[in-house]
Every structure is written in structure tokens, then in C-alpha cells.
C-alpha atoms as a PDB file:
ATOM      1  CA  MET A   1      -0.069   0.026   0.099  1.00  0.00           C
ATOM      2  CA  VAL A   2       1.536   3.405  -1.125  1.00  0.00           C
ATOM      3  CA  THR A   3      -1.449   5.771  -0.466  1.00  0.00           C
ATOM      4  CA  LEU A   4      -4.338   6.257   1.514  1.00  0.00           C
ATOM      5  CA  ASN A   5      -7.201   8.567   0.340  1.00  0.00           C
ATOM      6  CA  GLY A   6      -4.759  10.023  -2.232  1.00  0.00           C
ATOM      7  CA  ASN A   7      -2.048  10.879   0.365  1.00  0.00           C
ATOM      8  CA  VAL A   8       1.197   9.143   0.122  1.00  0.00           C
ATOM      9  CA  LEU A   9       2.109   7.204   3.299  1.00  0.00           C
ATOM     10  CA  PRO A  10       5.282   7.612   5.217  1.00  0.00           C
ATOM     11  CA  GLY A  11       8.252   5.792   3.973  1.00  0.00           C
ATOM     12  CA  ARG A  12       6.903   5.817   0.457  1.00  0.00           C
ATOM     13  CA  GLU A  13       7.723   7.850  -2.609  1.00  0.00           C
ATOM     14  CA  VAL A  14       5.544   8.605  -5.620  1.00  0.00           C
ATOM     15  CA  ARG A  15       6.512  10.257  -8.938  1.00  0.00           C
ATOM     16  CA  LEU A  16       4.739  10.621 -12.104  1.00  0.00           C
ATOM     17  CA  GLY A  17       6.400   9.703 -15.496  1.00  0.00           C
ATOM     18  CA  SER A  18       6.108  12.021 -18.516  1.00  0.00           C
ATOM     19  CA  ASP A  19       3.066  10.074 -19.688  1.00  0.00           C
ATOM     20  CA  GLY A  20       1.412  10.114 -16.216  1.00  0.00           C
ATOM     21  CA  GLU A  21       2.497   6.711 -15.133  1.00  0.00           C
ATOM     22  CA  ILE A  22       2.757   6.081 -11.504  1.00  0.00           C
ATOM     23  CA  PHE A  23       6.386   5.217 -10.190  1.00  0.00           C
ATOM     24  CA  VAL A  24       6.852   4.173  -6.562  1.00  0.00           C
ATOM     25  CA  ARG A  25       9.613   3.370  -4.182  1.00  0.00           C
ATOM     26  CA  GLY A  26      10.615   2.797  -0.558  1.00  0.00           C
ATOM     27  CA  PRO A  27      11.241   0.090   1.846  1.00  0.00           C
ATOM     28  CA  CYS A  28       7.696  -1.474   1.364  1.00  0.00           C
ATOM     29  CA  LEU A  29       8.234  -2.211  -2.310  1.00  0.00           C
ATOM     30  CA  PHE A  30       7.926  -5.784  -3.062  1.00  0.00           C
ATOM     31  CA  GLN A  31      11.006  -7.948  -3.645  1.00  0.00           C
ATOM     32  CA  GLY A  32      10.123  -8.689  -7.494  1.00  0.00           C
ATOM     33  CA  TYR A  33       8.696 -11.236  -9.584  1.00  0.00           C
ATOM     34  CA  LEU A  34       9.695 -14.843  -9.401  1.00  0.00           C
ATOM     35  CA  GLY A  35      12.930 -15.412 -11.620  1.00  0.00           C
ATOM     36  CA  GLU A  36      13.511 -11.714 -12.307  1.00  0.00           C
ATOM     37  CA  ALA A  37      15.905  -9.333 -10.308  1.00  0.00           C
ATOM     38  CA  PRO A  38      14.255  -7.300  -7.851  1.00  0.00           C
ATOM     39  CA  PRO A  39      13.523  -3.581  -8.676  1.00  0.00           C
ATOM     40  CA  GLN A  40      16.501  -1.223  -7.913  1.00  0.00           C
ATOM     41  CA  ASP A  41      15.032   2.032  -7.944  1.00  0.00           C
ATOM     42  CA  TRP A  42      11.677   3.438  -8.974  1.00  0.00           C
ATOM     43  CA  PHE A  43       9.004   0.749  -9.767  1.00  0.00           C
ATOM     44  CA  PRO A  44       6.536   1.493 -12.645  1.00  0.00           C
ATOM     45  CA  THR A  45       3.175   0.431 -11.578  1.00  0.00           C
ATOM     46  CA  GLY A  46       1.245   0.413 -14.917  1.00  0.00           C
ATOM     47  CA  ASP A  47      -1.265   2.707 -13.305  1.00  0.00           C
ATOM     48  CA  LEU A  48      -1.909   6.363 -14.743  1.00  0.00           C
ATOM     49  CA  GLY A  49      -2.491   9.365 -12.135  1.00  0.00           C
ATOM     50  CA  ARG A  50      -2.098  12.993 -11.511  1.00  0.00           C
ATOM     51  CA  PHE A  51      -1.484  15.009  -8.349  1.00  0.00           C
ATOM     52  CA  GLU A  52      -4.632  17.221  -7.475  1.00  0.00           C
ATOM     53  CA  ASN A  53      -5.886  18.775  -4.429  1.00  0.00           C
ATOM     54  CA  GLY A  54      -2.729  17.585  -2.471  1.00  0.00           C
ATOM     55  CA  GLY A  55      -3.100  14.019  -3.356  1.00  0.00           C
ATOM     56  CA  LEU A  56      -2.697  11.262  -5.920  1.00  0.00           C
ATOM     57  CA  THR A  57      -5.702  10.453  -8.123  1.00  0.00           C
ATOM     58  CA  ILE A  58      -5.459   7.198 -10.039  1.00  0.00           C
ATOM     59  CA  LEU A  59      -6.915   7.582 -13.529  1.00  0.00           C
ATOM     60  CA  GLY A  60      -6.662   3.913 -14.653  1.00  0.00           C
ATOM     61  CA  ARG A  61      -4.500   1.253 -16.200  1.00  0.00           C
ATOM     62  CA  LYS A  62      -1.927   2.431 -18.808  1.00  0.00           C
ATOM     63  CA  ASP A  63      -2.456  -0.583 -20.917  1.00  0.00           C
ATOM     64  CA  TRP A  64      -6.375   0.041 -21.015  1.00  0.00           C
ATOM     65  CA  MET A  65      -6.066   3.588 -22.563  1.00  0.00           C
ATOM     66  CA  PHE A  66      -6.879   3.977 -26.150  1.00  0.00           C
ATOM     67  CA  ILE A  67      -6.908   6.643 -28.580  1.00  0.00           C
ATOM     68  CA  SER A  68      -9.999   7.477 -30.660  1.00  0.00           C
ATOM     69  CA  GLY A  69      -9.726  10.125 -33.231  1.00  0.00           C
ATOM     70  CA  GLY A  70      -6.554  11.654 -31.669  1.00  0.00           C
ATOM     71  CA  GLU A  71      -8.162  11.777 -28.235  1.00  0.00           C
ATOM     72  CA  ASN A  72      -6.967   9.686 -25.167  1.00  0.00           C
ATOM     73  CA  ILE A  73      -9.749   7.583 -23.743  1.00  0.00           C
ATOM     74  CA  GLN A  74      -9.404   6.023 -20.087  1.00  0.00           C
ATOM     75  CA  PRO A  75     -12.133   3.326 -19.984  1.00  0.00           C
ATOM     76  CA  GLU A  76     -12.246   3.536 -16.274  1.00  0.00           C
ATOM     77  CA  GLU A  77     -13.720   7.090 -16.466  1.00  0.00           C
ATOM     78  CA  ILE A  78     -16.512   6.054 -18.635  1.00  0.00           C
ATOM     79  CA  GLU A  79     -17.030   2.864 -16.571  1.00  0.00           C
ATOM     80  CA  ARG A  80     -17.639   5.102 -13.377  1.00  0.00           C
ATOM     81  CA  GLU A  81     -20.206   7.051 -15.144  1.00  0.00           C
ATOM     82  CA  LEU A  82     -22.069   3.978 -16.562  1.00  0.00           C
ATOM     83  CA  LEU A  83     -21.999   2.453 -12.865  1.00  0.00           C
ATOM     84  CA  ALA A  84     -23.697   5.800 -11.690  1.00  0.00           C
ATOM     85  CA  LEU A  85     -26.729   4.931 -13.855  1.00  0.00           C
ATOM     86  CA  PRO A  86     -29.388   3.194 -11.270  1.00  0.00           C
ATOM     87  CA  GLU A  87     -29.986   0.118 -13.816  1.00  0.00           C
ATOM     88  CA  VAL A  88     -26.243  -0.735 -14.371  1.00  0.00           C
ATOM     89  CA  LEU A  89     -24.732  -3.389 -12.021  1.00  0.00           C
ATOM     90  CA  GLU A  90     -21.406  -3.772 -13.896  1.00  0.00           C
ATOM     91  CA  ALA A  91     -19.810  -1.996 -16.769  1.00  0.00           C
ATOM     92  CA  ILE A  92     -16.653  -2.544 -18.731  1.00  0.00           C
ATOM     93  CA  VAL A  93     -15.688  -0.264 -21.641  1.00  0.00           C
ATOM     94  CA  LEU A  94     -13.616  -1.481 -24.466  1.00  0.00           C
ATOM     95  CA  PRO A  95     -11.963  -0.054 -27.697  1.00  0.00           C
ATOM     96  CA  GLN A  96     -13.746  -1.313 -30.970  1.00  0.00           C
ATOM     97  CA  GLU A  97     -11.972  -1.030 -34.254  1.00  0.00           C
ATOM     98  CA  ASN A  98     -13.225   1.894 -36.290  1.00  0.00           C
ATOM     99  CA  PRO A  99     -12.089   2.763 -39.790  1.00  0.00           C
ATOM    100  CA  GLU A 100     -12.738   6.672 -39.474  1.00  0.00           C
ATOM    101  CA  PHE A 101     -11.452   7.165 -35.824  1.00  0.00           C
ATOM    102  CA  GLY A 102      -9.083   4.068 -35.106  1.00  0.00           C
ATOM    103  CA  LYS A 103     -10.985   3.020 -32.168  1.00  0.00           C
ATOM    104  CA  ARG A 104     -14.199   3.851 -30.613  1.00  0.00           C
ATOM    105  CA  PRO A 105     -15.681   3.090 -26.982  1.00  0.00           C
ATOM    106  CA  VAL A 106     -18.169   0.325 -26.496  1.00  0.00           C
ATOM    107  CA  ALA A 107     -19.915  -0.700 -23.273  1.00  0.00           C
ATOM    108  CA  VAL A 108     -20.376  -4.311 -22.087  1.00  0.00           C
ATOM    109  CA  VAL A 109     -23.093  -4.077 -19.320  1.00  0.00           C
ATOM    110  CA  ARG A 110     -24.809  -6.404 -16.834  1.00  0.00           C
ATOM    111  CA  ALA A 111     -28.042  -4.484 -15.836  1.00  0.00           C
ATOM    112  CA  GLN A 112     -31.210  -4.819 -14.040  1.00  0.00           C
ATOM    113  CA  GLY A 113     -34.182  -3.823 -15.943  1.00  0.00           C
ATOM    114  CA  LYS A 114     -34.233  -2.368 -19.478  1.00  0.00           C
ATOM    115  CA  VAL A 115     -31.221  -0.579 -20.736  1.00  0.00           C
ATOM    116  CA  ASP A 116     -30.822   0.490 -24.518  1.00  0.00           C
ATOM    117  CA  LEU A 117     -28.097   2.343 -26.417  1.00  0.00           C
ATOM    118  CA  LYS A 118     -30.097   5.627 -26.872  1.00  0.00           C
ATOM    119  CA  GLN A 119     -31.058   5.792 -23.147  1.00  0.00           C
ATOM    120  CA  MET A 120     -27.444   5.212 -22.182  1.00  0.00           C
ATOM    121  CA  GLN A 121     -25.992   7.547 -24.510  1.00  0.00           C
ATOM    122  CA  GLY A 122     -28.486  10.444 -23.315  1.00  0.00           C
ATOM    123  CA  ALA A 123     -27.736   9.805 -19.733  1.00  0.00           C
ATOM    124  CA  LEU A 124     -24.053  10.081 -20.408  1.00  0.00           C
ATOM    125  CA  SER A 125     -24.298  13.002 -22.861  1.00  0.00           C
ATOM    126  CA  SER A 126     -24.176  15.595 -19.900  1.00  0.00           C
ATOM    127  CA  ARG A 127     -21.270  13.759 -18.094  1.00  0.00           C
ATOM    128  CA  LEU A 128     -18.890  12.858 -20.899  1.00  0.00           C
ATOM    129  CA  PRO A 129     -17.729  14.624 -24.138  1.00  0.00           C
ATOM    130  CA  LYS A 130     -19.142  13.097 -27.106  1.00  0.00           C
ATOM    131  CA  TYR A 131     -15.906  11.058 -28.144  1.00  0.00           C
ATOM    132  CA  LYS A 132     -16.177   9.214 -24.743  1.00  0.00           C
ATOM    133  CA  ILE A 133     -19.840   8.025 -25.213  1.00  0.00           C
ATOM    134  CA  PRO A 134     -20.054   4.460 -26.231  1.00  0.00           C
ATOM    135  CA  ILE A 135     -21.279   3.855 -29.818  1.00  0.00           C
ATOM    136  CA  ALA A 136     -22.535   0.356 -28.986  1.00  0.00           C
ATOM    137  CA  LEU A 137     -23.970  -1.460 -26.059  1.00  0.00           C
ATOM    138  CA  TYR A 138     -23.453  -5.161 -25.331  1.00  0.00           C
ATOM    139  CA  LEU A 139     -25.829  -6.588 -22.791  1.00  0.00           C
ATOM    140  CA  VAL A 140     -24.622  -9.678 -20.809  1.00  0.00           C
ATOM    141  CA  ASP A 141     -25.857 -11.903 -18.128  1.00  0.00           C
ATOM    142  CA  GLU A 142     -22.524 -12.153 -16.563  1.00  0.00           C
ATOM    143  CA  ILE A 143     -19.102 -10.454 -17.020  1.00  0.00           C
ATOM    144  CA  PRO A 144     -16.458 -13.040 -17.483  1.00  0.00           C
ATOM    145  CA  LYS A 145     -13.833 -12.763 -14.842  1.00  0.00           C
ATOM    146  CA  LYS A 146     -10.270 -14.180 -14.216  1.00  0.00           C
ATOM    147  CA  ASN A 147      -9.802 -16.095 -11.371  1.00  0.00           C
ATOM    148  CA  HIS A 148     -13.429 -15.042 -10.356  1.00  0.00           C
ATOM    149  CA  LEU A 149     -11.940 -11.607  -9.397  1.00  0.00           C
ATOM    150  CA  LYS A 150     -11.080  -9.026 -12.382  1.00  0.00           C
ATOM    151  CA  PRO A 151     -13.046  -8.748 -15.297  1.00  0.00           C
ATOM    152  CA  ASP A 152     -11.576 -10.468 -18.299  1.00  0.00           C
ATOM    153  CA  ARG A 153     -11.011  -7.574 -20.748  1.00  0.00           C
ATOM    154  CA  PHE A 154      -9.294  -9.885 -23.258  1.00  0.00           C
ATOM    155  CA  ILE A 155     -12.225 -12.316 -23.825  1.00  0.00           C
ATOM    156  CA  LEU A 156     -14.701  -9.248 -23.813  1.00  0.00           C
ATOM    157  CA  SER A 157     -12.407  -7.523 -26.474  1.00  0.00           C
ATOM    158  CA  GLN A 158     -12.553 -10.738 -28.562  1.00  0.00           C
ATOM    159  CA  LEU A 159     -16.288 -10.707 -28.275  1.00  0.00           C
ATOM    160  CA  VAL A 160     -16.595  -7.092 -29.154  1.00  0.00           C
ATOM    161  CA  ASN A 161     -14.260  -7.018 -32.146  1.00  0.00           C
ATOM    162  CA  ASN A 162     -14.845 -10.402 -33.604  1.00  0.00           C
ATOM    163  CA  LYS A 163     -17.537 -12.622 -32.434  1.00  0.00           C
ATOM    164  CA  ILE A 164     -20.813 -10.694 -32.111  1.00  0.00           C
ATOM    165  CA  ASP A 165     -23.254  -9.812 -34.993  1.00  0.00           C
ATOM    166  CA  THR A 166     -24.496  -6.127 -35.085  1.00  0.00           C
ATOM    167  CA  ASN A 167     -28.224  -5.479 -35.492  1.00  0.00           C
ATOM    168  CA  THR A 168     -29.868  -2.246 -36.270  1.00  0.00           C
ATOM    169  CA  SER A 169     -30.492  -1.049 -32.892  1.00  0.00           C
ATOM    170  CA  GLY A 170     -26.787  -1.000 -32.033  1.00  0.00           C
ATOM    171  CA  GLN A 171     -27.860  -3.045 -29.080  1.00  0.00           C
ATOM    172  CA  LYS A 172     -26.540  -6.786 -28.480  1.00  0.00           C
ATOM    173  CA  LYS A 173     -27.489  -9.403 -26.244  1.00  0.00           C
ATOM    174  CA  VAL A 174     -24.411 -11.592 -25.560  1.00  0.00           C
ATOM    175  CA  PRO A 175     -24.539 -14.951 -23.640  1.00  0.00           C
ATOM    176  CA  TYR A 176     -21.798 -15.680 -21.116  1.00  0.00           C
ATOM    177  CA  LEU A 177     -19.265 -17.939 -22.567  1.00  0.00           C
END
């Protein structure tokens, strides 16, 4: 643990790389990965963040960010807004290949009750810039998870980019694999 409520804990150091990646060091740093040399100085976390209001705010994972029409999109920002909608129980945002913009955000959602693409887009339009509003909605009965813990973004990405037929409403119903 390096921060608590955005505040860096005693005996820990945090800095940001030029791309916003969080680097940490201190005596609490782990001893390294099995079969690899232990970290010698600053350890890159793979998380993106910024310092604001005297504390560290984590924006999301560096490897999940994607670019759409020249704009950086951090999926976790959109997911937080989706989870603020009362009918959304779980939400994952992924990039979908797009010939005009390179990639566009799409939402994979587990919901209670009725949710459709236009309703979701309308609810997000006052909270997010247009380029961050998902262009498609994939409804799932269950979000696949790695080790029953973290959402499996790889499987979901495969579903979104290769395996699902689009219908005219822009809404898909996907069974859990």
C-alpha cells in the first residue's frame, strides 16, 4: 500500500512519468517477480495518475487507455459514469476498431431492468464529451472474470471485435461464454 485516500504514506515515494504513469519506491516495495531481479529504484506500476488537491488520483491502467480520433480515452472514467446509472450493475468499456477514428468506445453491461443504447447515450451526454460516449451497448448476463475476481477484458475484447453480429438498434445481447 502506497497511498491512503490519495495521500502518500510515510516511508513511500511516488512520482509521475512524463506520460502520467505512477512510479513508486520505498522500503515497502515488493522483492520482485519470481525469476526476475528485484526492482532497484523506481518501480513502474502500470497505473496512470495525477496529483491534484494535494493527493494522488489514479486515473486507470496505462495498458487499457486507447486513442479515438486523436483523443486519449481511459475506460475507467466511462465505466464510473456508467455505474452511476441506477440500472447498471457492472460495466466494462473497451475499444472497438473503427475505420474513421481508429478505435471507438463500446460498453459491455450487466444490468437490471431495461437498458438500451439511446437511453445510455442520453444519460452520459451531460457527463462525458461526445468522443467518450460508447457507440454500442453489449448486454451480458454475466461479466467473465479472471480467477473469479477481475473482469476478463481480453475475452470481452474478442467478443466485441470479432464474435458478435450487429443489429440495427446498436444493442446486442451476448450470452456468457
